Amino acid sequence: WVSLRLGKSGSLDSYRRTTLLIVGFVVLCIFAAFRLTDYLSDRELVDQKVRTDVANRNLAMILTESVSSAIRNADILLRIFKGDWENSGALTESLQAKLPEIINAGMVARICIADESGKIVFNAMKLAHSSNIASHKYFQKHRAEDAGEVLLDVVWLMGKQGPPLLVASRRLNRRDGSFGGVVSLAFQSDYF
């Protein structure tokens, strides 16, 4: 701060005091303006963060509902395949006739049925790879116990060189209740 000597030269000292007061007031206003700008900038960042958080939460809820809906739909298909296969050892003609429609709907990348050894005995996609799925975790879990529920797993096509697929599966039982294989449905990787 500036210290002034107050002398007896009246108007000059008065002029200096007034000038210093004005300069001090201007400096104070500039400082206040910078502080206000900082506050507004910080407030704007907080508001933007809140808006972004709300938007992210909304997207997460939409994605969660989308995934949940897809899994429910997949489970419906798995139950239909399971019922046909367990009752007759094959798919009904009406279900086979619906397969192209199911596949072309865009959700399903693969539907297959494996026997108790993991060998693919039915593949709706007629894919050459994955002729045995016994090494997949979902197959091993179904073989170990009948939990009576759909299992989800991620599998890689072509030994981690292909895209990962989310697979929903259900255990198949023989008439005596023993393990009879697995029906599985893989989602299109770009479906979600």
Protein backbone atom coordinates (compact mmCIF):
# COMPACT_ATOMS: atom_id res chain seq x y z
CA TRP A 1 0.00 0.00 0.00
CA VAL A 2 1.06 3.53 -0.64
CA SER A 3 1.78 5.80 2.26
CA LEU A 4 1.24 9.53 1.65
CA ARG A 5 2.67 12.43 3.42
CA LEU A 6 -0.03 14.80 4.09
CA GLY A 7 1.29 18.32 3.80
CA LYS A 8 -0.23 21.70 3.81
CA SER A 9 -0.47 22.16 0.07
CA GLY A 10 -4.26 21.55 0.19
CA SER A 11 -5.47 21.11 -3.41
CA LEU A 12 -2.46 19.07 -4.61
CA ASP A 13 -2.78 16.65 -1.69
CA SER A 14 -6.48 16.48 -2.22
CA TYR A 15 -5.87 15.70 -5.90
CA ARG A 16 -3.38 12.97 -5.00
CA ARG A 17 -5.71 11.46 -2.44
CA THR A 18 -8.57 11.47 -4.91
CA THR A 19 -6.38 9.96 -7.62
CA LEU A 20 -5.14 7.25 -5.28
CA LEU A 21 -8.67 6.52 -4.14
CA ILE A 22 -9.81 6.24 -7.75
CA VAL A 23 -6.82 4.04 -8.68
CA GLY A 24 -7.41 1.93 -5.58
CA PHE A 25 -11.09 1.61 -6.43
CA VAL A 26 -10.27 0.61 -10.04
CA VAL A 27 -7.74 -1.98 -8.81
CA LEU A 28 -10.33 -3.31 -6.35
CA CYS A 29 -12.95 -3.50 -9.14
CA ILE A 30 -10.52 -5.34 -11.43
CA PHE A 31 -9.67 -7.78 -8.64
CA ALA A 32 -13.38 -8.31 -7.93
CA ALA A 33 -14.04 -8.83 -11.65
CA PHE A 34 -11.34 -11.53 -11.82
CA ARG A 35 -12.74 -13.23 -8.72
CA LEU A 36 -16.27 -13.07 -10.13
CA THR A 37 -15.03 -14.49 -13.44
CA ASP A 38 -13.28 -17.33 -11.60
CA TYR A 39 -16.45 -18.01 -9.60
CA LEU A 40 -18.65 -18.00 -12.70
CA SER A 41 -16.17 -20.19 -14.57
CA ASP A 42 -16.06 -22.67 -11.68
CA ARG A 43 -19.84 -22.58 -11.41
CA GLU A 44 -20.16 -23.19 -15.14
CA LEU A 45 -17.82 -26.19 -14.87
CA VAL A 46 -19.85 -27.59 -11.98
CA ASP A 47 -23.09 -27.08 -13.92
CA GLN A 48 -21.59 -28.76 -17.00
CA LYS A 49 -20.40 -31.70 -14.85
CA VAL A 50 -23.88 -32.08 -13.36
CA ARG A 51 -25.47 -32.01 -16.83
CA THR A 52 -22.94 -34.57 -18.09
CA ASP A 53 -23.51 -36.82 -15.06
CA VAL A 54 -27.28 -36.72 -15.59
CA ALA A 55 -26.87 -37.50 -19.31
CA ASN A 56 -24.49 -40.40 -18.52
CA ARG A 57 -26.90 -41.78 -15.93
CA ASN A 58 -29.75 -41.64 -18.44
CA LEU A 59 -27.65 -43.42 -21.07
CA ALA A 60 -26.65 -46.07 -18.54
CA MET A 61 -30.30 -46.69 -17.65
CA ILE A 62 -31.23 -46.98 -21.33
CA LEU A 63 -28.35 -49.38 -21.98
CA THR A 64 -29.22 -51.44 -18.91
CA GLU A 65 -32.83 -51.74 -20.04
CA SER A 66 -31.73 -52.61 -23.57
CA VAL A 67 -29.38 -55.35 -22.35
CA SER A 68 -31.98 -56.68 -19.89
CA SER A 69 -34.60 -56.78 -22.63
CA ALA A 70 -32.23 -58.57 -25.01
CA ILE A 71 -31.39 -61.17 -22.36
CA ARG A 72 -35.09 -61.74 -21.60
CA ASN A 73 -35.78 -62.21 -25.32
CA ALA A 74 -32.82 -64.55 -25.65
CA ASP A 75 -34.04 -66.58 -22.68
CA ILE A 76 -37.46 -66.94 -24.30
CA LEU A 77 -35.79 -68.32 -27.43
CA LEU A 78 -33.55 -70.61 -25.37
CA ARG A 79 -36.58 -72.01 -23.49
CA ILE A 80 -38.36 -72.71 -26.79
CA PHE A 81 -35.30 -74.49 -28.22
CA LYS A 82 -34.76 -76.34 -24.93
CA GLY A 83 -38.39 -77.52 -24.83
CA ASP A 84 -38.33 -78.79 -28.42
CA TRP A 85 -34.98 -80.51 -28.05
CA GLU A 86 -35.70 -82.15 -24.69
CA ASN A 87 -39.14 -83.37 -25.79
CA SER A 88 -38.30 -84.74 -29.22
CA GLY A 89 -34.52 -84.64 -29.66
CA ALA A 90 -34.96 -82.24 -32.56
CA LEU A 91 -36.49 -78.90 -33.43
CA THR A 92 -40.06 -78.81 -34.66
CA GLU A 93 -40.66 -77.89 -38.28
CA SER A 94 -42.46 -74.70 -37.24
CA LEU A 95 -39.43 -73.57 -35.20
CA GLN A 96 -37.05 -74.43 -38.04
CA ALA A 97 -39.26 -72.40 -40.40
CA LYS A 98 -38.98 -69.40 -38.02
CA LEU A 99 -35.16 -69.57 -37.78
CA PRO A 100 -34.44 -67.25 -40.74
CA GLU A 101 -36.78 -64.64 -39.26
CA ILE A 102 -35.12 -64.95 -35.84
CA ILE A 103 -31.64 -64.67 -37.31
CA ASN A 104 -32.47 -61.79 -39.65
CA ALA A 105 -33.95 -59.73 -36.78
CA GLY A 106 -30.40 -58.58 -36.00
CA MET A 107 -29.99 -59.76 -32.41
CA VAL A 108 -28.67 -63.27 -32.95
CA ALA A 109 -25.21 -64.09 -34.26
CA ARG A 110 -25.43 -67.83 -33.54
CA ILE A 111 -27.84 -70.40 -32.18
CA CYS A 112 -26.49 -73.86 -31.55
CA ILE A 113 -27.08 -77.02 -29.59
CA ALA A 114 -24.24 -79.13 -28.23
CA ASP A 115 -24.51 -82.68 -26.94
CA GLU A 116 -23.20 -83.85 -23.54
CA SER A 117 -19.62 -84.01 -24.88
CA GLY A 118 -19.73 -80.44 -26.25
CA LYS A 119 -19.98 -81.48 -29.90
CA ILE A 120 -22.20 -79.12 -31.91
CA VAL A 121 -25.14 -81.19 -33.17
CA PHE A 122 -27.23 -78.27 -34.43
CA ASN A 123 -26.05 -74.88 -35.67
CA ALA A 124 -28.59 -72.49 -37.17
CA MET A 125 -25.83 -70.44 -38.76
CA LYS A 126 -24.04 -73.30 -40.53
CA LEU A 127 -20.66 -72.02 -39.29
CA ALA A 128 -17.66 -74.24 -39.77
CA HIS A 129 -15.71 -73.17 -36.65
CA SER A 130 -16.48 -74.11 -33.03
CA SER A 131 -17.36 -77.72 -33.69
CA ASN A 132 -16.89 -78.42 -29.96
CA ILE A 133 -17.69 -76.06 -27.09
CA ALA A 134 -16.73 -78.30 -24.15
CA SER A 135 -13.92 -75.91 -23.17
CA HIS A 136 -16.25 -72.92 -22.76
CA LYS A 137 -17.00 -71.92 -19.15
CA TYR A 138 -20.76 -71.82 -19.65
CA PHE A 139 -20.74 -75.39 -20.97
CA GLN A 140 -18.67 -76.60 -18.00
CA LYS A 141 -21.01 -74.86 -15.52
CA HIS A 142 -24.09 -76.40 -17.10
CA ARG A 143 -22.44 -79.83 -17.09
CA ALA A 144 -21.50 -79.47 -13.40
CA GLU A 145 -24.97 -78.52 -12.15
CA ASP A 146 -28.53 -77.87 -13.23
CA ALA A 147 -29.15 -74.39 -11.87
CA GLY A 148 -32.27 -74.02 -13.99
CA GLU A 149 -31.23 -70.57 -15.20
CA VAL A 150 -29.75 -68.83 -18.17
CA LEU A 151 -25.98 -68.33 -18.00
CA LEU A 152 -24.10 -65.48 -19.65
CA ASP A 153 -20.52 -65.72 -20.85
CA VAL A 154 -18.20 -63.99 -23.30
CA VAL A 155 -16.56 -66.22 -25.91
CA TRP A 156 -14.05 -65.40 -28.60
CA LEU A 157 -14.41 -66.67 -32.11
CA MET A 158 -11.36 -68.11 -33.82
CA GLY A 159 -9.18 -68.20 -30.70
CA LYS A 160 -9.30 -64.49 -29.70
CA GLN A 161 -8.66 -63.37 -33.28
CA GLY A 162 -12.35 -62.83 -33.96
CA PRO A 163 -14.79 -60.58 -32.19
CA PRO A 164 -15.97 -61.40 -28.66
CA LEU A 165 -19.56 -62.57 -28.40
CA LEU A 166 -21.94 -62.41 -25.46
CA VAL A 167 -23.48 -65.87 -25.15
CA ALA A 168 -26.67 -66.77 -23.29
CA SER A 169 -27.14 -70.49 -22.64
CA ARG A 170 -29.35 -73.04 -20.94
CA ARG A 171 -28.71 -76.61 -19.89
CA LEU A 172 -30.40 -79.45 -21.74
CA ASN A 173 -31.49 -82.46 -19.69
CA ARG A 174 -32.20 -86.01 -20.72
CA ARG A 175 -35.49 -87.57 -19.70
CA ASP A 176 -33.83 -89.02 -16.58
CA GLY A 177 -32.61 -85.52 -15.55
CA SER A 178 -28.95 -86.12 -16.39
CA PHE A 179 -26.92 -83.67 -18.43
CA GLY A 180 -27.83 -83.82 -22.10
CA GLY A 181 -26.02 -80.81 -23.53
CA VAL A 182 -26.42 -77.05 -23.92
CA VAL A 183 -28.44 -74.74 -26.11
CA SER A 184 -26.71 -71.39 -26.64
CA LEU A 185 -27.43 -68.13 -28.38
CA ALA A 186 -24.73 -65.59 -29.21
CA PHE A 187 -25.69 -61.94 -29.64
CA GLN A 188 -24.50 -59.88 -32.60
CA SER A 189 -21.46 -57.93 -31.35
CA ASP A 190 -22.91 -54.64 -32.63
CA TYR A 191 -26.43 -55.31 -31.31
CA PHE A 192 -25.90 -53.35 -28.12
